[in-house]
Amino acid sequence: MKIRKFMKQYEQQLLQQMDTLKTLDEAKRLQIRHQRMIAFMQHERLIHLIVTLFFALFTLITLGFALFYPCLSVFILLGLFSVLLIPYIGHYYFLENTIQRWYALSEQIARQIDSFSWHQPQK
């Protein structure tokens, strides 16, 4: 599964569903589903943060090693770590920004729930 494509499709569906909410129950169900999705993606984000930090650490260790013991194999290893680190940083950046947008969408859903609750007759 391509996580970027999945997250973009989910966000588009969420926005469409937010525009068509008609009842308080629909809004509450959407909020629960969205909170669950945020929790799943927070786990994904944490895993990618750990992997990215380890690649950064290995890159820095290899750079330090290359400065003190310059040889072709160390420079090749440094190049490999550097080439892999850049996409990891980019992917983590995407995950972080997407989750931040989802937090804002969660707040919008909460405001919609409040709006529905305000218009509901009190029992």
N, C-alpha and C. Protein backbone atom coordinates (compact mmCIF):
# COMPACT_ATOMS: atom_id res chain seq x y z
N MET A 1 0.85 -1.18 0.00
CA MET A 1 0.00 0.00 0.00
C MET A 1 0.89 1.24 0.00
N LYS A 2 0.55 2.17 -0.83
CA LYS A 2 1.29 3.43 -0.86
C LYS A 2 0.64 4.38 0.12
N ILE A 3 1.37 4.69 1.18
CA ILE A 3 0.81 5.45 2.29
C ILE A 3 0.46 6.88 1.87
N ARG A 4 1.27 7.49 1.02
CA ARG A 4 0.97 8.85 0.58
C ARG A 4 -0.36 8.90 -0.16
N LYS A 5 -0.53 7.98 -1.10
CA LYS A 5 -1.77 7.93 -1.87
C LYS A 5 -2.96 7.66 -0.95
N PHE A 6 -2.78 6.73 -0.03
CA PHE A 6 -3.84 6.39 0.91
C PHE A 6 -4.24 7.61 1.75
N MET A 7 -3.25 8.32 2.27
CA MET A 7 -3.53 9.48 3.12
C MET A 7 -4.21 10.60 2.34
N LYS A 8 -3.78 10.83 1.11
CA LYS A 8 -4.40 11.86 0.29
C LYS A 8 -5.85 11.50 -0.04
N GLN A 9 -6.08 10.24 -0.40
CA GLN A 9 -7.45 9.81 -0.70
C GLN A 9 -8.34 9.90 0.54
N TYR A 10 -7.81 9.48 1.68
CA TYR A 10 -8.58 9.56 2.91
C TYR A 10 -8.97 11.01 3.21
N GLU A 11 -8.02 11.92 3.07
CA GLU A 11 -8.30 13.33 3.36
C GLU A 11 -9.37 13.90 2.43
N GLN A 12 -9.29 13.53 1.14
CA GLN A 12 -10.31 13.99 0.20
C GLN A 12 -11.69 13.45 0.58
N GLN A 13 -11.76 12.17 0.94
CA GLN A 13 -13.03 11.58 1.36
C GLN A 13 -13.55 12.25 2.62
N LEU A 14 -12.66 12.52 3.55
CA LEU A 14 -13.05 13.16 4.80
C LEU A 14 -13.65 14.54 4.53
N LEU A 15 -13.01 15.32 3.69
CA LEU A 15 -13.51 16.65 3.35
C LEU A 15 -14.89 16.57 2.70
N GLN A 16 -15.07 15.59 1.81
CA GLN A 16 -16.38 15.41 1.18
C GLN A 16 -17.44 15.03 2.22
N GLN A 17 -17.09 14.14 3.12
CA GLN A 17 -18.04 13.73 4.15
C GLN A 17 -18.37 14.89 5.09
N MET A 18 -17.38 15.71 5.40
CA MET A 18 -17.62 16.86 6.27
C MET A 18 -18.61 17.83 5.63
N ASP A 19 -18.55 17.96 4.31
CA ASP A 19 -19.44 18.88 3.60
C ASP A 19 -20.88 18.36 3.55
N THR A 20 -21.07 17.06 3.70
CA THR A 20 -22.41 16.49 3.55
C THR A 20 -23.02 16.03 4.87
N LEU A 21 -22.42 16.40 6.00
CA LEU A 21 -22.98 15.99 7.29
C LEU A 21 -24.35 16.62 7.49
N LYS A 22 -25.30 15.78 7.92
CA LYS A 22 -26.66 16.27 8.11
C LYS A 22 -27.16 16.12 9.54
N THR A 23 -26.59 15.17 10.28
CA THR A 23 -27.08 14.92 11.63
C THR A 23 -25.93 14.90 12.63
N LEU A 24 -26.30 15.03 13.89
CA LEU A 24 -25.32 14.97 14.97
C LEU A 24 -24.67 13.59 15.02
N ASP A 25 -25.46 12.53 14.83
CA ASP A 25 -24.90 11.18 14.86
C ASP A 25 -23.88 10.95 13.75
N GLU A 26 -24.14 11.46 12.56
CA GLU A 26 -23.18 11.34 11.46
C GLU A 26 -21.87 12.03 11.83
N ALA A 27 -21.99 13.20 12.40
CA ALA A 27 -20.80 13.98 12.77
C ALA A 27 -20.00 13.25 13.85
N LYS A 28 -20.68 12.68 14.82
CA LYS A 28 -19.98 11.95 15.89
C LYS A 28 -19.29 10.71 15.35
N ARG A 29 -19.95 9.98 14.46
CA ARG A 29 -19.32 8.79 13.85
C ARG A 29 -18.09 9.19 13.04
N LEU A 30 -18.20 10.29 12.30
CA LEU A 30 -17.06 10.76 11.52
C LEU A 30 -15.91 11.16 12.43
N GLN A 31 -16.23 11.82 13.54
CA GLN A 31 -15.18 12.22 14.48
C GLN A 31 -14.46 11.00 15.06
N ILE A 32 -15.21 9.98 15.44
CA ILE A 32 -14.60 8.76 16.01
C ILE A 32 -13.71 8.09 14.97
N ARG A 33 -14.21 7.99 13.74
CA ARG A 33 -13.42 7.36 12.67
C ARG A 33 -12.14 8.16 12.41
N HIS A 34 -12.28 9.48 12.38
CA HIS A 34 -11.12 10.32 12.10
C HIS A 34 -10.10 10.25 13.24
N GLN A 35 -10.55 10.24 14.47
CA GLN A 35 -9.63 10.11 15.61
C GLN A 35 -8.87 8.79 15.54
N ARG A 36 -9.56 7.73 15.14
CA ARG A 36 -8.92 6.43 15.00
C ARG A 36 -7.84 6.47 13.90
N MET A 37 -8.17 7.14 12.79
CA MET A 37 -7.20 7.25 11.70
C MET A 37 -5.99 8.08 12.12
N ILE A 38 -6.22 9.14 12.88
CA ILE A 38 -5.09 9.94 13.39
C ILE A 38 -4.19 9.07 14.26
N ALA A 39 -4.79 8.24 15.11
CA ALA A 39 -3.99 7.36 15.98
C ALA A 39 -3.16 6.39 15.16
N PHE A 40 -3.72 5.83 14.10
CA PHE A 40 -2.97 4.92 13.24
C PHE A 40 -1.78 5.64 12.60
N MET A 41 -2.04 6.83 12.10
CA MET A 41 -1.00 7.56 11.40
C MET A 41 0.05 8.13 12.36
N GLN A 42 -0.32 8.41 13.60
CA GLN A 42 0.67 8.82 14.59
C GLN A 42 1.67 7.69 14.83
N HIS A 43 1.18 6.46 14.82
CA HIS A 43 2.08 5.32 14.97
C HIS A 43 3.02 5.24 13.78
N GLU A 44 2.48 5.41 12.59
CA GLU A 44 3.30 5.42 11.37
C GLU A 44 4.35 6.53 11.44
N ARG A 45 3.92 7.69 11.90
CA ARG A 45 4.83 8.83 12.01
C ARG A 45 5.95 8.55 13.02
N LEU A 46 5.63 7.93 14.14
CA LEU A 46 6.64 7.60 15.14
C LEU A 46 7.68 6.63 14.58
N ILE A 47 7.21 5.60 13.89
CA ILE A 47 8.13 4.62 13.31
C ILE A 47 9.07 5.31 12.31
N HIS A 48 8.51 6.18 11.48
CA HIS A 48 9.36 6.86 10.49
C HIS A 48 10.30 7.86 11.15
N LEU A 49 9.90 8.45 12.25
CA LEU A 49 10.81 9.34 12.97
C LEU A 49 12.00 8.55 13.50
N ILE A 50 11.73 7.40 14.09
CA ILE A 50 12.82 6.56 14.63
C ILE A 50 13.77 6.13 13.51
N VAL A 51 13.22 5.67 12.40
CA VAL A 51 14.06 5.23 11.27
C VAL A 51 14.87 6.41 10.74
N THR A 52 14.24 7.56 10.58
CA THR A 52 14.94 8.74 10.07
C THR A 52 16.07 9.16 11.01
N LEU A 53 15.81 9.14 12.30
CA LEU A 53 16.85 9.51 13.26
C LEU A 53 18.02 8.53 13.22
N PHE A 54 17.73 7.24 13.09
CA PHE A 54 18.81 6.27 13.00
C PHE A 54 19.64 6.47 11.73
N PHE A 55 18.97 6.73 10.60
CA PHE A 55 19.72 6.98 9.37
C PHE A 55 20.57 8.25 9.51
N ALA A 56 20.04 9.27 10.15
CA ALA A 56 20.82 10.49 10.37
C ALA A 56 22.03 10.20 11.26
N LEU A 57 21.80 9.43 12.33
CA LEU A 57 22.90 9.06 13.22
C LEU A 57 23.97 8.26 12.49
N PHE A 58 23.56 7.26 11.71
CA PHE A 58 24.53 6.45 10.96
C PHE A 58 25.28 7.31 9.94
N THR A 59 24.57 8.27 9.33
CA THR A 59 25.22 9.16 8.37
C THR A 59 26.28 10.02 9.06
N LEU A 60 25.95 10.55 10.23
CA LEU A 60 26.91 11.37 10.96
C LEU A 60 28.10 10.55 11.46
N ILE A 61 27.84 9.35 11.93
CA ILE A 61 28.94 8.48 12.39
C ILE A 61 29.85 8.15 11.22
N THR A 62 29.26 7.85 10.07
CA THR A 62 30.06 7.52 8.88
C THR A 62 30.85 8.75 8.42
N LEU A 63 30.23 9.94 8.51
CA LEU A 63 30.94 11.16 8.14
C LEU A 63 32.14 11.37 9.06
N GLY A 64 31.93 11.19 10.36
CA GLY A 64 33.05 11.30 11.30
C GLY A 64 34.14 10.29 11.01
N PHE A 65 33.75 9.08 10.71
CA PHE A 65 34.73 8.03 10.37
C PHE A 65 35.48 8.41 9.10
N ALA A 66 34.75 8.98 8.10
CA ALA A 66 35.39 9.35 6.83
C ALA A 66 36.40 10.48 7.03
N LEU A 67 36.15 11.35 7.99
CA LEU A 67 37.08 12.44 8.24
C LEU A 67 38.39 11.96 8.85
N PHE A 68 38.31 10.92 9.69
CA PHE A 68 39.51 10.43 10.36
C PHE A 68 40.20 9.28 9.62
N TYR A 69 39.43 8.49 8.86
CA TYR A 69 39.98 7.36 8.12
C TYR A 69 39.47 7.39 6.69
N PRO A 70 39.93 8.35 5.90
CA PRO A 70 39.41 8.47 4.54
C PRO A 70 39.82 7.29 3.67
N CYS A 71 38.83 6.62 3.13
CA CYS A 71 39.06 5.57 2.14
C CYS A 71 37.80 5.46 1.29
N LEU A 72 37.93 4.85 0.13
CA LEU A 72 36.84 4.79 -0.84
C LEU A 72 35.60 4.10 -0.27
N SER A 73 35.78 3.00 0.43
CA SER A 73 34.61 2.26 0.94
C SER A 73 33.81 3.08 1.96
N VAL A 74 34.49 3.87 2.78
CA VAL A 74 33.79 4.72 3.75
C VAL A 74 33.02 5.82 3.03
N PHE A 75 33.62 6.39 1.99
CA PHE A 75 32.92 7.43 1.22
C PHE A 75 31.71 6.86 0.47
N ILE A 76 31.83 5.65 -0.02
CA ILE A 76 30.69 4.99 -0.67
C ILE A 76 29.57 4.77 0.34
N LEU A 77 29.93 4.29 1.53
CA LEU A 77 28.93 4.08 2.58
C LEU A 77 28.28 5.41 2.98
N LEU A 78 29.08 6.46 3.09
CA LEU A 78 28.55 7.78 3.41
C LEU A 78 27.57 8.25 2.32
N GLY A 79 27.92 8.01 1.08
CA GLY A 79 27.03 8.38 -0.03
C GLY A 79 25.72 7.61 0.02
N LEU A 80 25.79 6.32 0.32
CA LEU A 80 24.57 5.51 0.42
C LEU A 80 23.67 6.00 1.54
N PHE A 81 24.25 6.24 2.70
CA PHE A 81 23.44 6.74 3.82
C PHE A 81 22.82 8.10 3.48
N SER A 82 23.60 8.96 2.85
CA SER A 82 23.10 10.29 2.49
C SER A 82 21.96 10.20 1.48
N VAL A 83 22.10 9.33 0.51
CA VAL A 83 21.07 9.16 -0.51
C VAL A 83 19.79 8.60 0.11
N LEU A 84 19.92 7.71 1.06
CA LEU A 84 18.73 7.15 1.72
C LEU A 84 18.11 8.11 2.73
N LEU A 85 18.93 8.95 3.34
CA LEU A 85 18.42 9.87 4.36
C LEU A 85 17.49 10.93 3.77
N ILE A 86 17.79 11.40 2.59
CA ILE A 86 17.00 12.47 1.99
C ILE A 86 15.54 12.03 1.77
N PRO A 87 15.26 10.87 1.17
CA PRO A 87 13.85 10.46 1.03
C PRO A 87 13.16 10.20 2.38
N TYR A 88 13.90 9.70 3.35
CA TYR A 88 13.30 9.49 4.67
C TYR A 88 12.88 10.82 5.29
N ILE A 89 13.71 11.83 5.16
CA ILE A 89 13.36 13.16 5.69
C ILE A 89 12.14 13.70 4.95
N GLY A 90 12.11 13.54 3.64
CA GLY A 90 10.97 14.01 2.86
C GLY A 90 9.67 13.31 3.23
N HIS A 91 9.75 12.00 3.43
CA HIS A 91 8.55 11.25 3.80
C HIS A 91 8.08 11.62 5.20
N TYR A 92 9.02 11.77 6.12
CA TYR A 92 8.63 12.17 7.47
C TYR A 92 8.00 13.57 7.45
N TYR A 93 8.54 14.46 6.65
CA TYR A 93 7.99 15.82 6.50
C TYR A 93 6.54 15.73 6.01
N PHE A 94 6.29 14.87 5.01
CA PHE A 94 4.93 14.68 4.51
C PHE A 94 4.01 14.16 5.61
N LEU A 95 4.45 13.14 6.34
CA LEU A 95 3.62 12.58 7.42
C LEU A 95 3.31 13.63 8.48
N GLU A 96 4.30 14.37 8.89
CA GLU A 96 4.12 15.37 9.94
C GLU A 96 3.12 16.44 9.50
N ASN A 97 3.29 16.96 8.29
CA ASN A 97 2.39 18.02 7.81
C ASN A 97 0.97 17.50 7.61
N THR A 98 0.85 16.28 7.13
CA THR A 98 -0.49 15.71 6.94
C THR A 98 -1.20 15.53 8.27
N ILE A 99 -0.51 15.01 9.27
CA ILE A 99 -1.13 14.82 10.58
C ILE A 99 -1.51 16.18 11.18
N GLN A 100 -0.69 17.19 10.98
CA GLN A 100 -1.04 18.52 11.48
C GLN A 100 -2.32 19.04 10.82
N ARG A 101 -2.46 18.81 9.51
CA ARG A 101 -3.69 19.21 8.83
C ARG A 101 -4.88 18.42 9.38
N TRP A 102 -4.66 17.14 9.68
CA TRP A 102 -5.74 16.30 10.20
C TRP A 102 -6.18 16.76 11.59
N TYR A 103 -5.24 17.29 12.39
CA TYR A 103 -5.63 17.86 13.68
C TYR A 103 -6.60 19.01 13.46
N ALA A 104 -6.29 19.86 12.48
CA ALA A 104 -7.17 21.00 12.19
C ALA A 104 -8.54 20.51 11.70
N LEU A 105 -8.55 19.47 10.89
CA LEU A 105 -9.83 18.91 10.43
C LEU A 105 -10.62 18.32 11.59
N SER A 106 -9.93 17.74 12.53
CA SER A 106 -10.58 17.20 13.72
C SER A 106 -11.27 18.31 14.50
N GLU A 107 -10.60 19.46 14.59
CA GLU A 107 -11.21 20.61 15.26
C GLU A 107 -12.43 21.11 14.50
N GLN A 108 -12.37 21.08 13.17
CA GLN A 108 -13.53 21.49 12.38
C GLN A 108 -14.72 20.56 12.62
N ILE A 109 -14.44 19.26 12.69
CA ILE A 109 -15.50 18.29 12.97
C ILE A 109 -16.10 18.57 14.35
N ALA A 110 -15.25 18.86 15.32
CA ALA A 110 -15.75 19.16 16.66
C ALA A 110 -16.64 20.40 16.65
N ARG A 111 -16.26 21.40 15.87
CA ARG A 111 -17.11 22.59 15.76
C ARG A 111 -18.45 22.27 15.10
N GLN A 112 -18.41 21.36 14.11
CA GLN A 112 -19.67 20.95 13.48
C GLN A 112 -20.56 20.22 14.49
N ILE A 113 -19.96 19.39 15.32
CA ILE A 113 -20.72 18.69 16.36
C ILE A 113 -21.33 19.70 17.32
N ASP A 114 -20.54 20.69 17.71
CA ASP A 114 -21.06 21.73 18.60
C ASP A 114 -22.21 22.47 17.93
N SER A 115 -22.08 22.72 16.64
CA SER A 115 -23.13 23.42 15.92
C SER A 115 -24.41 22.59 15.89
N PHE A 116 -24.27 21.28 15.63
CA PHE A 116 -25.44 20.40 15.65
C PHE A 116 -26.04 20.34 17.05
N SER A 117 -25.19 20.26 18.05
CA SER A 117 -25.66 20.17 19.43
C SER A 117 -26.40 21.44 19.83
N TRP A 118 -25.94 22.57 19.34
CA TRP A 118 -26.56 23.85 19.67
C TRP A 118 -27.98 23.93 19.11
N HIS A 119 -28.19 23.30 17.94
CA HIS A 119 -29.49 23.37 17.28
C HIS A 119 -30.43 22.26 17.72
N GLN A 120 -29.92 21.27 18.49
CA GLN A 120 -30.76 20.18 18.96
C GLN A 120 -31.59 20.64 20.13
N PRO A 121 -32.85 20.17 20.23
CA PRO A 121 -33.66 20.53 21.39
C PRO A 121 -33.09 19.91 22.67
N GLN A 122 -33.10 20.66 23.75
CA GLN A 122 -32.60 20.17 25.03
C GLN A 122 -33.60 19.20 25.65
N LYS A 123 -33.10 18.14 26.25
CA LYS A 123 -33.97 17.15 26.91
C LYS A 123 -34.09 17.43 28.37
